[in-house]
């Protein structure tokens, strides 16, 4: 009888110790050095720059060769794009054209476009070991009426494109992307007030 009591007491103490353990210790399996970090993008996943245009309520997928009209708000985002997906739109709130470009004017024959650039998140978008620059930020850019989304971006940043016209690097990000050719922006338009080019304002903000 005494032996049975000792066995029962031992089982009870063991159960109590098990219950007192943190839930994470019970649920989380051991992590090996080579295991992927939870929430992080697959190191081998495709990544790239994508362009988006705001309709006032949401981002709609676009193309680098699109020519957004005057008053548009476009966004560029670097993100992981597995399985051929279009990628992720810029984060944060949708920029307002009036808030970004309301105080700037463009010369005749030119347009103003609010351009937001989001370099993505470190954990979910960046290549392993790379740190994206700060962002997102929106800038008012002036360009010729025919200027494409890619050339408007090139008015405010260093842009490299591949043979198909897709943007592969913005301000040399991602760092591992060494290919592509530099894209020259169209001739910048001068702001009517003070004669300061809007692209210079953009450069100062950057």
Protein backbone atom coordinates (compact mmCIF):
# COMPACT_ATOMS: atom_id res chain seq x y z
CA UNK A 1 0.00 0.00 0.00
CA UNK A 2 2.84 2.36 0.85
CA UNK A 3 4.52 1.55 -2.45
CA UNK A 4 1.36 2.29 -4.39
CA UNK A 5 1.09 5.66 -2.65
CA UNK A 6 4.67 6.54 -3.54
CA UNK A 7 4.08 5.70 -7.20
CA UNK A 8 0.89 7.77 -7.28
CA UNK A 9 2.65 10.69 -5.61
CA UNK A 10 5.48 10.52 -8.12
CA UNK A 11 3.04 10.59 -11.05
CA UNK A 12 1.23 13.57 -9.53
CA UNK A 13 4.45 15.52 -9.02
CA UNK A 14 5.54 14.78 -12.57
CA UNK A 15 2.21 16.00 -13.96
CA UNK A 16 2.44 19.17 -11.88
CA UNK A 17 5.92 19.90 -13.20
CA UNK A 18 4.72 19.35 -16.77
CA UNK A 19 1.81 21.75 -16.33
CA UNK A 20 4.12 24.39 -14.85
CA UNK A 21 6.30 24.45 -17.99
CA UNK A 22 5.77 27.42 -20.39
CA UNK A 23 3.49 26.66 -23.31
CA UNK A 24 6.28 27.52 -25.74
CA UNK A 25 8.41 24.78 -24.25
CA UNK A 26 5.65 22.26 -24.92
CA UNK A 27 4.50 23.45 -28.36
CA UNK A 28 7.64 24.75 -30.05
CA UNK A 29 9.89 22.08 -31.56
CA UNK A 30 13.64 22.53 -31.25
CA UNK A 31 15.15 24.83 -33.89
CA UNK A 32 18.28 23.72 -35.66
CA UNK A 33 20.83 26.25 -36.96
CA UNK A 34 19.88 25.51 -40.56
CA UNK A 35 16.13 25.79 -40.08
CA UNK A 36 14.33 28.76 -41.71
CA UNK A 37 13.28 31.61 -39.42
CA UNK A 38 9.50 31.65 -38.89
CA UNK A 39 7.90 34.50 -40.87
CA UNK A 40 10.97 35.05 -43.03
CA UNK A 41 10.85 34.74 -46.80
CA UNK A 42 12.36 31.70 -48.45
CA UNK A 43 15.99 32.60 -49.25
CA UNK A 44 15.49 31.09 -52.70
CA UNK A 45 12.21 32.89 -53.44
CA UNK A 46 12.05 35.22 -56.41
CA UNK A 47 12.26 38.90 -55.55
CA UNK A 48 11.89 42.05 -57.57
CA UNK A 49 10.59 45.57 -58.05
CA UNK A 50 6.95 46.08 -58.98
CA UNK A 51 5.01 49.24 -59.79
CA UNK A 52 1.52 50.14 -58.63
CA UNK A 53 -0.94 52.96 -59.29
CA UNK A 54 -3.41 54.30 -56.77
CA UNK A 55 -7.08 54.65 -57.64
CA UNK A 56 -7.64 56.67 -54.49
CA UNK A 57 -8.62 53.72 -52.34
CA UNK A 58 -6.18 50.93 -53.22
CA UNK A 59 -3.02 50.06 -55.16
CA UNK A 60 -3.55 48.52 -58.59
CA UNK A 61 -0.76 46.57 -60.30
CA UNK A 62 0.91 48.41 -63.18
CA UNK A 63 3.85 48.06 -65.54
CA UNK A 64 7.15 49.99 -65.84
CA UNK A 65 6.20 51.12 -69.34
CA UNK A 66 2.87 52.63 -68.29
CA UNK A 67 2.58 56.40 -68.70
CA UNK A 68 0.60 57.69 -65.72
CA UNK A 69 -1.28 60.94 -66.39
CA UNK A 70 -0.83 64.20 -64.54
CA UNK A 71 -2.13 63.97 -61.00
CA UNK A 72 -1.37 60.27 -60.60
CA UNK A 73 0.04 58.53 -57.54
CA UNK A 74 2.31 55.59 -58.28
CA UNK A 75 4.28 53.34 -55.96
CA UNK A 76 7.31 51.09 -56.34
CA UNK A 77 7.95 48.20 -53.98
CA UNK A 78 10.73 45.62 -53.65
CA UNK A 79 9.33 42.38 -52.30
CA UNK A 80 9.45 38.63 -52.44
CA UNK A 81 7.30 37.34 -55.28
CA UNK A 82 7.04 33.55 -55.02
CA UNK A 83 5.26 31.47 -57.65
CA UNK A 84 5.30 34.27 -60.21
CA UNK A 85 3.15 36.61 -58.10
CA UNK A 86 3.12 40.32 -58.84
CA UNK A 87 4.74 41.12 -55.50
CA UNK A 88 3.48 43.33 -52.72
CA UNK A 89 2.22 46.93 -53.04
CA UNK A 90 3.89 49.72 -51.06
CA UNK A 91 3.17 49.66 -47.35
CA UNK A 92 1.71 52.38 -45.19
CA UNK A 93 -1.12 54.73 -46.06
CA UNK A 94 -1.93 55.62 -49.65
CA UNK A 95 -0.21 58.92 -50.49
CA UNK A 96 -2.40 61.86 -51.41
CA UNK A 97 -1.46 63.67 -54.61
CA UNK A 98 -2.55 66.97 -53.10
CA UNK A 99 -0.42 66.42 -50.00
CA UNK A 100 2.66 65.43 -52.03
CA UNK A 101 2.41 67.67 -55.10
CA UNK A 102 -0.05 70.37 -54.09
CA UNK A 103 2.62 73.07 -53.75
CA UNK A 104 4.55 72.19 -56.92
CA UNK A 105 3.78 73.11 -60.49
CA UNK A 106 5.23 71.74 -63.71
CA UNK A 107 6.22 73.55 -66.88
CA UNK A 108 3.96 73.47 -69.91
CA UNK A 109 3.93 70.08 -71.60
CA UNK A 110 4.93 68.29 -68.42
CA UNK A 111 3.08 66.44 -65.70
CA UNK A 112 3.35 66.00 -61.97
CA UNK A 113 3.17 62.55 -60.42
CA UNK A 114 3.51 61.54 -56.77
CA UNK A 115 5.98 58.66 -56.61
CA UNK A 116 6.31 56.47 -53.51
CA UNK A 117 9.25 54.08 -53.09
CA UNK A 118 9.16 51.22 -50.60
CA UNK A 119 12.31 49.09 -50.28
CA UNK A 120 10.42 46.34 -48.47
CA UNK A 121 10.79 44.62 -45.11
CA UNK A 122 14.01 43.11 -43.79
CA UNK A 123 12.48 39.83 -42.64
CA UNK A 124 9.98 39.11 -45.38
CA UNK A 125 11.42 40.77 -48.52
CA UNK A 126 15.15 41.39 -48.30
CA UNK A 127 17.70 38.84 -49.42
CA UNK A 128 19.38 37.15 -46.44
CA UNK A 129 22.04 39.44 -45.04
CA UNK A 130 20.76 42.61 -46.74
CA UNK A 131 19.21 45.61 -45.01
CA UNK A 132 16.77 47.71 -47.07
CA UNK A 133 17.03 51.51 -46.92
CA UNK A 134 14.43 53.40 -44.96
CA UNK A 135 11.04 53.91 -46.55
CA UNK A 136 8.43 54.26 -47.84
CA UNK A 137 8.57 57.89 -48.91
CA UNK A 138 6.56 59.84 -51.49
CA UNK A 139 8.02 62.58 -53.69
CA UNK A 140 6.54 64.90 -56.29
CA UNK A 141 8.21 64.26 -59.64
CA UNK A 142 7.79 66.25 -62.84
CA UNK A 143 8.36 64.74 -66.26
CA UNK A 144 7.34 64.93 -69.88
CA UNK A 145 3.73 64.04 -70.58
CA UNK A 146 4.90 60.80 -72.19
CA UNK A 147 7.23 59.83 -69.32
CA UNK A 148 6.79 56.24 -68.18
CA UNK A 149 6.56 55.03 -64.60
CA UNK A 150 10.16 53.80 -64.83
CA UNK A 151 11.48 57.12 -66.13
CA UNK A 152 9.60 59.03 -63.45
CA UNK A 153 11.31 56.82 -60.91
CA UNK A 154 14.65 57.51 -62.60
CA UNK A 155 14.02 61.23 -62.08
CA UNK A 156 14.41 60.77 -58.34
CA UNK A 157 16.70 57.74 -57.96
CA UNK A 158 19.40 55.69 -59.67
CA UNK A 159 17.55 53.05 -61.66
CA UNK A 160 18.80 50.02 -63.56
CA UNK A 161 16.62 48.00 -65.91
CA UNK A 162 17.01 44.69 -67.68
CA UNK A 163 16.60 44.01 -71.39
CA UNK A 164 12.83 43.74 -70.95
CA UNK A 165 12.56 47.15 -69.31
CA UNK A 166 11.89 45.78 -65.84
CA UNK A 167 13.50 47.63 -62.93
CA UNK A 168 16.12 45.47 -61.25
CA UNK A 169 17.69 47.96 -58.84
CA UNK A 170 16.84 51.31 -57.27
CA UNK A 171 19.69 53.25 -55.71
CA UNK A 172 21.73 50.04 -56.07
CA UNK A 173 19.24 48.00 -54.01
CA UNK A 174 19.24 45.06 -53.77
CA UNK A 175 23.00 45.00 -53.42
CA UNK A 176 23.40 41.55 -54.95
CA UNK A 177 21.80 42.72 -58.21
CA UNK A 178 24.74 43.81 -60.35
CA UNK A 179 23.14 43.50 -63.79
CA UNK A 180 21.01 45.82 -65.85
CA UNK A 181 21.74 49.14 -67.48
CA UNK A 182 21.25 52.63 -66.09
CA UNK A 183 18.00 54.29 -67.11
CA UNK A 184 18.22 57.95 -68.04
CA UNK A 185 15.25 60.02 -66.97
CA UNK A 186 13.56 62.38 -69.39
CA UNK A 187 14.66 66.02 -69.20
CA UNK A 188 13.42 67.33 -65.82
CA UNK A 189 10.75 70.00 -65.74
CA UNK A 190 11.35 73.19 -63.82
CA UNK A 191 8.92 74.27 -61.14
CA UNK A 192 7.31 77.61 -61.93
CA UNK A 193 7.99 79.07 -58.52
CA UNK A 194 11.60 80.05 -57.93
CA UNK A 195 12.83 78.17 -60.99
CA UNK A 196 13.89 75.18 -58.89
CA UNK A 197 13.50 71.85 -60.67
CA UNK A 198 11.10 69.52 -58.88
CA UNK A 199 13.62 66.71 -59.33
CA UNK A 200 16.15 68.70 -57.33
CA UNK A 201 13.60 69.05 -54.56
CA UNK A 202 13.14 65.29 -54.71
CA UNK A 203 16.88 64.74 -54.51
CA UNK A 204 17.12 66.99 -51.48
CA UNK A 205 14.33 65.10 -49.76
CA UNK A 206 16.05 61.82 -50.48
